[in-house]
Amino acid sequence: MGRKQVAGWIAAYEKAWRTPGTQILKTIFTEDATYLQGPYHRPVVGLAAIARMWERERSGPDEVFTMTSELVAVDKEASVARIEVKYGSGEKFRDLWIIKLAPDGRCRSFEEWYIAPPKRTR
């Protein structure tokens, strides 16, 4: 698994988030994929369950945001990427993604550690 393949998968993930419906998910996740939304969450298991979660979690495919990514580590088993998402509302999140791709380039295991900026108090 090379940097180009992982970077391509991240771009495909963003494209899927911006695409109506969930049919596109079968091009980026294996049928038995696991998706962990945070270190203390229960994993979402299987493509159908991921599709249901996907629709619940996003505002819609026309959601205004920009996403940037930086690959931190890539090896045969797992890759780590630093992701920053800035929404049109002004919200900003930084994530670490742990991505395990199957030989066909689809994701078999996805783990997200999202970090919201601290709340400012006076």
N, C-alpha and C. Protein backbone atom coordinates (compact mmCIF):
# COMPACT_ATOMS: atom_id res chain seq x y z
N MET A 1 0.86 -1.17 0.00
CA MET A 1 0.00 0.00 0.00
C MET A 1 0.90 1.23 0.00
N GLY A 2 0.75 2.08 -0.98
CA GLY A 2 1.59 3.25 -1.10
C GLY A 2 0.85 4.54 -0.76
N ARG A 3 1.63 5.61 -0.66
CA ARG A 3 1.08 6.92 -0.33
C ARG A 3 0.03 7.36 -1.36
N LYS A 4 0.31 7.09 -2.63
CA LYS A 4 -0.61 7.50 -3.68
C LYS A 4 -1.96 6.79 -3.54
N GLN A 5 -1.94 5.51 -3.20
CA GLN A 5 -3.17 4.75 -3.03
C GLN A 5 -3.98 5.28 -1.83
N VAL A 6 -3.30 5.56 -0.72
CA VAL A 6 -3.99 6.06 0.47
C VAL A 6 -4.54 7.47 0.22
N ALA A 7 -3.74 8.32 -0.40
CA ALA A 7 -4.21 9.67 -0.73
C ALA A 7 -5.42 9.61 -1.67
N GLY A 8 -5.40 8.68 -2.60
CA GLY A 8 -6.55 8.48 -3.50
C GLY A 8 -7.79 8.04 -2.75
N TRP A 9 -7.60 7.17 -1.74
CA TRP A 9 -8.73 6.72 -0.96
C TRP A 9 -9.33 7.90 -0.17
N ILE A 10 -8.48 8.74 0.41
CA ILE A 10 -8.96 9.91 1.16
C ILE A 10 -9.76 10.83 0.23
N ALA A 11 -9.27 11.05 -0.96
CA ALA A 11 -10.00 11.89 -1.94
C ALA A 11 -11.35 11.24 -2.29
N ALA A 12 -11.37 9.93 -2.42
CA ALA A 12 -12.62 9.22 -2.73
C ALA A 12 -13.60 9.32 -1.56
N TYR A 13 -13.10 9.30 -0.34
CA TYR A 13 -13.95 9.47 0.85
C TYR A 13 -14.63 10.84 0.81
N GLU A 14 -13.84 11.88 0.54
CA GLU A 14 -14.42 13.22 0.46
C GLU A 14 -15.46 13.30 -0.66
N LYS A 15 -15.16 12.70 -1.80
CA LYS A 15 -16.11 12.70 -2.91
C LYS A 15 -17.40 11.99 -2.50
N ALA A 16 -17.27 10.88 -1.78
CA ALA A 16 -18.45 10.14 -1.33
C ALA A 16 -19.29 10.99 -0.38
N TRP A 17 -18.62 11.75 0.49
CA TRP A 17 -19.36 12.60 1.44
C TRP A 17 -20.16 13.66 0.70
N ARG A 18 -19.65 14.09 -0.44
CA ARG A 18 -20.30 15.14 -1.24
C ARG A 18 -21.30 14.58 -2.26
N THR A 19 -21.44 13.27 -2.34
CA THR A 19 -22.30 12.63 -3.33
C THR A 19 -23.64 12.24 -2.69
N PRO A 20 -24.76 12.55 -3.35
CA PRO A 20 -26.06 12.15 -2.81
C PRO A 20 -26.16 10.63 -2.68
N GLY A 21 -26.89 10.19 -1.65
CA GLY A 21 -27.10 8.76 -1.46
C GLY A 21 -25.88 8.07 -0.88
N THR A 22 -25.97 6.76 -0.84
CA THR A 22 -24.88 5.97 -0.24
C THR A 22 -24.34 4.89 -1.16
N GLN A 23 -24.85 4.82 -2.39
CA GLN A 23 -24.39 3.79 -3.33
C GLN A 23 -22.88 3.84 -3.54
N ILE A 24 -22.31 5.04 -3.51
CA ILE A 24 -20.88 5.21 -3.76
C ILE A 24 -20.02 4.55 -2.68
N LEU A 25 -20.60 4.31 -1.51
CA LEU A 25 -19.82 3.74 -0.42
C LEU A 25 -19.25 2.37 -0.76
N LYS A 26 -19.94 1.62 -1.61
CA LYS A 26 -19.43 0.29 -1.97
C LYS A 26 -18.13 0.37 -2.77
N THR A 27 -17.81 1.56 -3.27
CA THR A 27 -16.54 1.72 -4.00
C THR A 27 -15.38 2.06 -3.06
N ILE A 28 -15.69 2.44 -1.81
CA ILE A 28 -14.60 2.79 -0.90
C ILE A 28 -14.53 1.92 0.35
N PHE A 29 -15.59 1.17 0.66
CA PHE A 29 -15.59 0.27 1.81
C PHE A 29 -15.90 -1.15 1.37
N THR A 30 -15.26 -2.12 2.00
CA THR A 30 -15.60 -3.52 1.75
C THR A 30 -16.95 -3.83 2.39
N GLU A 31 -17.55 -4.91 1.97
CA GLU A 31 -18.87 -5.31 2.48
C GLU A 31 -18.85 -5.52 3.99
N ASP A 32 -17.73 -6.01 4.53
CA ASP A 32 -17.63 -6.31 5.96
C ASP A 32 -16.78 -5.29 6.72
N ALA A 33 -16.64 -4.10 6.18
CA ALA A 33 -15.80 -3.07 6.79
C ALA A 33 -16.28 -2.69 8.18
N THR A 34 -15.34 -2.22 8.99
CA THR A 34 -15.67 -1.65 10.29
C THR A 34 -15.33 -0.16 10.26
N TYR A 35 -16.16 0.63 10.93
CA TYR A 35 -15.99 2.09 10.96
C TYR A 35 -16.14 2.51 12.42
N LEU A 36 -15.07 3.00 13.01
CA LEU A 36 -15.08 3.43 14.39
C LEU A 36 -15.07 4.95 14.41
N GLN A 37 -16.12 5.56 14.95
CA GLN A 37 -16.28 7.01 14.93
C GLN A 37 -15.51 7.73 16.03
N GLY A 38 -14.92 7.01 16.91
CA GLY A 38 -14.14 7.59 17.99
C GLY A 38 -13.61 6.47 18.87
N PRO A 39 -12.62 6.75 19.69
CA PRO A 39 -11.97 5.69 20.45
C PRO A 39 -12.88 4.97 21.44
N TYR A 40 -13.98 5.61 21.86
CA TYR A 40 -14.87 4.98 22.83
C TYR A 40 -16.22 4.59 22.23
N HIS A 41 -16.35 4.73 20.93
CA HIS A 41 -17.59 4.36 20.26
C HIS A 41 -17.58 2.87 19.93
N ARG A 42 -18.76 2.34 19.74
CA ARG A 42 -18.85 0.97 19.23
C ARG A 42 -18.62 1.02 17.74
N PRO A 43 -17.91 0.05 17.20
CA PRO A 43 -17.70 0.06 15.75
C PRO A 43 -19.00 -0.17 14.99
N VAL A 44 -19.12 0.51 13.87
CA VAL A 44 -20.21 0.27 12.94
C VAL A 44 -19.67 -0.81 12.00
N VAL A 45 -20.39 -1.91 11.88
CA VAL A 45 -19.88 -3.07 11.14
C VAL A 45 -20.75 -3.37 9.93
N GLY A 46 -20.11 -3.45 8.78
CA GLY A 46 -20.79 -3.81 7.55
C GLY A 46 -21.22 -2.61 6.74
N LEU A 47 -21.21 -2.77 5.46
CA LEU A 47 -21.51 -1.69 4.52
C LEU A 47 -22.91 -1.10 4.74
N ALA A 48 -23.90 -1.93 4.97
CA ALA A 48 -25.27 -1.42 5.18
C ALA A 48 -25.34 -0.54 6.43
N ALA A 49 -24.69 -0.97 7.51
CA ALA A 49 -24.70 -0.18 8.75
C ALA A 49 -23.91 1.12 8.57
N ILE A 50 -22.82 1.06 7.84
CA ILE A 50 -22.04 2.27 7.56
C ILE A 50 -22.89 3.26 6.75
N ALA A 51 -23.64 2.76 5.79
CA ALA A 51 -24.50 3.63 4.96
C ALA A 51 -25.55 4.32 5.83
N ARG A 52 -26.15 3.60 6.76
CA ARG A 52 -27.14 4.22 7.64
C ARG A 52 -26.51 5.30 8.52
N MET A 53 -25.35 5.01 9.08
CA MET A 53 -24.63 5.98 9.90
C MET A 53 -24.24 7.20 9.08
N TRP A 54 -23.79 6.96 7.86
CA TRP A 54 -23.35 8.03 6.95
C TRP A 54 -24.46 9.05 6.74
N GLU A 55 -25.67 8.56 6.47
CA GLU A 55 -26.80 9.45 6.24
C GLU A 55 -27.22 10.19 7.50
N ARG A 56 -27.10 9.54 8.65
CA ARG A 56 -27.44 10.20 9.92
C ARG A 56 -26.44 11.31 10.26
N GLU A 57 -25.18 11.11 9.97
CA GLU A 57 -24.12 11.99 10.44
C GLU A 57 -23.90 13.24 9.59
N ARG A 58 -24.20 13.17 8.32
CA ARG A 58 -23.93 14.34 7.49
C ARG A 58 -25.18 15.19 7.33
N SER A 59 -24.95 16.48 7.10
CA SER A 59 -26.08 17.39 6.87
C SER A 59 -26.68 17.16 5.50
N GLY A 60 -25.93 16.60 4.60
CA GLY A 60 -26.37 16.32 3.24
C GLY A 60 -25.19 16.50 2.30
N PRO A 61 -25.31 16.02 1.08
CA PRO A 61 -24.19 16.08 0.15
C PRO A 61 -23.83 17.50 -0.27
N ASP A 62 -24.72 18.46 -0.02
CA ASP A 62 -24.43 19.84 -0.39
C ASP A 62 -23.86 20.64 0.79
N GLU A 63 -23.48 19.94 1.84
CA GLU A 63 -22.88 20.57 3.01
C GLU A 63 -21.62 21.35 2.58
N VAL A 64 -21.49 22.57 3.04
CA VAL A 64 -20.36 23.41 2.66
C VAL A 64 -19.19 23.14 3.61
N PHE A 65 -18.08 22.68 3.05
CA PHE A 65 -16.87 22.45 3.84
C PHE A 65 -15.66 22.35 2.93
N THR A 66 -14.51 22.56 3.53
CA THR A 66 -13.26 22.27 2.85
C THR A 66 -12.52 21.24 3.70
N MET A 67 -11.80 20.38 3.03
CA MET A 67 -11.08 19.33 3.73
C MET A 67 -9.66 19.27 3.21
N THR A 68 -8.72 19.24 4.12
CA THR A 68 -7.32 19.06 3.75
C THR A 68 -6.79 17.83 4.48
N SER A 69 -5.79 17.20 3.91
CA SER A 69 -5.23 16.00 4.54
C SER A 69 -3.72 15.99 4.41
N GLU A 70 -3.12 15.33 5.36
CA GLU A 70 -1.67 15.11 5.36
C GLU A 70 -1.42 13.67 5.80
N LEU A 71 -0.74 12.92 4.99
CA LEU A 71 -0.41 11.54 5.38
C LEU A 71 0.72 11.58 6.40
N VAL A 72 0.49 10.96 7.53
CA VAL A 72 1.48 10.92 8.61
C VAL A 72 2.33 9.67 8.51
N ALA A 73 1.68 8.54 8.22
CA ALA A 73 2.40 7.26 8.11
C ALA A 73 1.65 6.34 7.17
N VAL A 74 2.40 5.61 6.37
CA VAL A 74 1.82 4.64 5.45
C VAL A 74 2.68 3.38 5.52
N ASP A 75 2.04 2.23 5.78
CA ASP A 75 2.76 0.97 5.67
C ASP A 75 1.81 -0.09 5.13
N LYS A 76 2.25 -1.33 5.10
CA LYS A 76 1.46 -2.39 4.49
C LYS A 76 0.13 -2.62 5.20
N GLU A 77 0.11 -2.49 6.51
CA GLU A 77 -1.08 -2.83 7.28
C GLU A 77 -2.02 -1.65 7.53
N ALA A 78 -1.45 -0.50 7.85
CA ALA A 78 -2.29 0.63 8.24
C ALA A 78 -1.63 1.94 7.85
N SER A 79 -2.47 2.93 7.67
CA SER A 79 -1.99 4.28 7.36
C SER A 79 -2.67 5.25 8.32
N VAL A 80 -1.98 6.36 8.57
CA VAL A 80 -2.51 7.39 9.46
C VAL A 80 -2.48 8.71 8.69
N ALA A 81 -3.59 9.43 8.77
CA ALA A 81 -3.68 10.73 8.11
C ALA A 81 -4.20 11.77 9.09
N ARG A 82 -3.68 12.97 8.95
CA ARG A 82 -4.19 14.11 9.71
C ARG A 82 -5.15 14.85 8.77
N ILE A 83 -6.37 15.06 9.21
CA ILE A 83 -7.42 15.68 8.40
C ILE A 83 -7.89 16.95 9.09
N GLU A 84 -8.11 18.00 8.30
CA GLU A 84 -8.73 19.20 8.85
C GLU A 84 -9.96 19.52 8.01
N VAL A 85 -11.08 19.74 8.69
CA VAL A 85 -12.34 20.06 8.02
C VAL A 85 -12.83 21.40 8.55
N LYS A 86 -13.09 22.31 7.62
CA LYS A 86 -13.64 23.62 7.97
C LYS A 86 -15.01 23.73 7.29
N TYR A 87 -16.04 23.93 8.12
CA TYR A 87 -17.40 24.01 7.61
C TYR A 87 -17.77 25.46 7.31
N GLY A 88 -18.74 25.63 6.44
CA GLY A 88 -19.22 26.96 6.09
C GLY A 88 -19.74 27.73 7.29
N SER A 89 -20.17 27.01 8.32
CA SER A 89 -20.69 27.63 9.54
C SER A 89 -19.58 28.23 10.40
N GLY A 90 -18.32 27.91 10.05
CA GLY A 90 -17.19 28.38 10.85
C GLY A 90 -16.62 27.31 11.76
N GLU A 91 -17.35 26.22 11.94
CA GLU A 91 -16.82 25.13 12.76
C GLU A 91 -15.58 24.52 12.10
N LYS A 92 -14.65 24.08 12.93
CA LYS A 92 -13.43 23.46 12.41
C LYS A 92 -13.09 22.26 13.29
N PHE A 93 -12.68 21.18 12.65
CA PHE A 93 -12.28 19.98 13.37
C PHE A 93 -10.96 19.48 12.79
N ARG A 94 -10.18 18.87 13.63
CA ARG A 94 -8.98 18.17 13.18
C ARG A 94 -9.15 16.72 13.60
N ASP A 95 -8.84 15.83 12.69
CA ASP A 95 -9.00 14.40 12.93
C ASP A 95 -7.69 13.68 12.67
N LEU A 96 -7.56 12.53 13.30
CA LEU A 96 -6.58 11.53 12.89
C LEU A 96 -7.37 10.34 12.41
N TRP A 97 -7.03 9.86 11.23
CA TRP A 97 -7.69 8.69 10.67
C TRP A 97 -6.69 7.54 10.61
N ILE A 98 -7.13 6.37 11.05
CA ILE A 98 -6.36 5.14 10.89
C ILE A 98 -7.11 4.32 9.85
N ILE A 99 -6.44 4.06 8.75
CA ILE A 99 -7.08 3.45 7.58
C ILE A 99 -6.38 2.14 7.25
N LYS A 100 -7.15 1.08 7.14
CA LYS A 100 -6.61 -0.21 6.70
C LYS A 100 -7.32 -0.59 5.42
N LEU A 101 -6.56 -0.65 4.34
CA LEU A 101 -7.14 -0.96 3.04
C LEU A 101 -7.01 -2.44 2.71
N ALA A 102 -8.01 -2.95 2.03
CA ALA A 102 -7.98 -4.32 1.50
C ALA A 102 -7.12 -4.31 0.23
N PRO A 103 -6.71 -5.48 -0.25
CA PRO A 103 -5.90 -5.53 -1.47
C PRO A 103 -6.54 -4.83 -2.68
N ASP A 104 -7.89 -4.76 -2.72
CA ASP A 104 -8.54 -4.11 -3.85
C ASP A 104 -8.62 -2.59 -3.72
N GLY A 105 -8.05 -2.03 -2.62
CA GLY A 105 -8.01 -0.58 -2.44
C GLY A 105 -9.17 -0.01 -1.66
N ARG A 106 -10.17 -0.84 -1.36
CA ARG A 106 -11.27 -0.36 -0.52
C ARG A 106 -10.88 -0.52 0.95
N CYS A 107 -11.53 0.24 1.80
CA CYS A 107 -11.21 0.24 3.22
C CYS A 107 -11.90 -0.93 3.92
N ARG A 108 -11.14 -1.65 4.72
CA ARG A 108 -11.72 -2.74 5.51
C ARG A 108 -11.84 -2.35 6.99
N SER A 109 -11.08 -1.30 7.38
CA SER A 109 -11.14 -0.82 8.76
C SER A 109 -10.81 0.67 8.78
N PHE A 110 -11.72 1.45 9.37
CA PHE A 110 -11.55 2.89 9.44
C PHE A 110 -11.77 3.32 10.89
N GLU A 111 -10.84 4.09 11.41
CA GLU A 111 -10.95 4.58 12.78
C GLU A 111 -10.69 6.08 12.77
N GLU A 112 -11.60 6.82 13.37
CA GLU A 112 -11.53 8.28 13.35
C GLU A 112 -11.36 8.80 14.78
N TRP A 113 -10.36 9.65 14.97
CA TRP A 113 -10.17 10.35 16.24
C TRP A 113 -10.35 11.82 15.92
N TYR A 114 -11.53 12.36 16.20
CA TYR A 114 -11.78 13.77 15.87
C TYR A 114 -11.54 14.65 17.09
N ILE A 115 -11.03 15.84 16.82
CA ILE A 115 -10.70 16.78 17.87
C ILE A 115 -11.34 18.12 17.54
N ALA A 116 -12.23 18.57 18.41
CA ALA A 116 -12.85 19.88 18.24
C ALA A 116 -11.98 20.91 18.96
N PRO A 117 -11.98 22.13 18.45
CA PRO A 117 -11.18 23.15 19.15
C PRO A 117 -11.74 23.40 20.54
N PRO A 118 -10.88 23.81 21.47
CA PRO A 118 -11.37 24.07 22.83
C PRO A 118 -12.33 25.26 22.83
N LYS A 119 -13.29 25.21 23.72
CA LYS A 119 -14.21 26.33 23.90
C LYS A 119 -13.47 27.43 24.63
N ARG A 120 -13.59 28.64 24.11
CA ARG A 120 -12.93 29.78 24.78
C ARG A 120 -13.85 30.33 25.85
N THR A 121 -13.29 30.58 27.00
CA THR A 121 -14.03 31.20 28.09
C THR A 121 -13.31 32.45 28.53
N ARG A 122 -14.04 33.36 29.06
CA ARG A 122 -13.43 34.62 29.53
C ARG A 122 -13.56 34.71 31.00
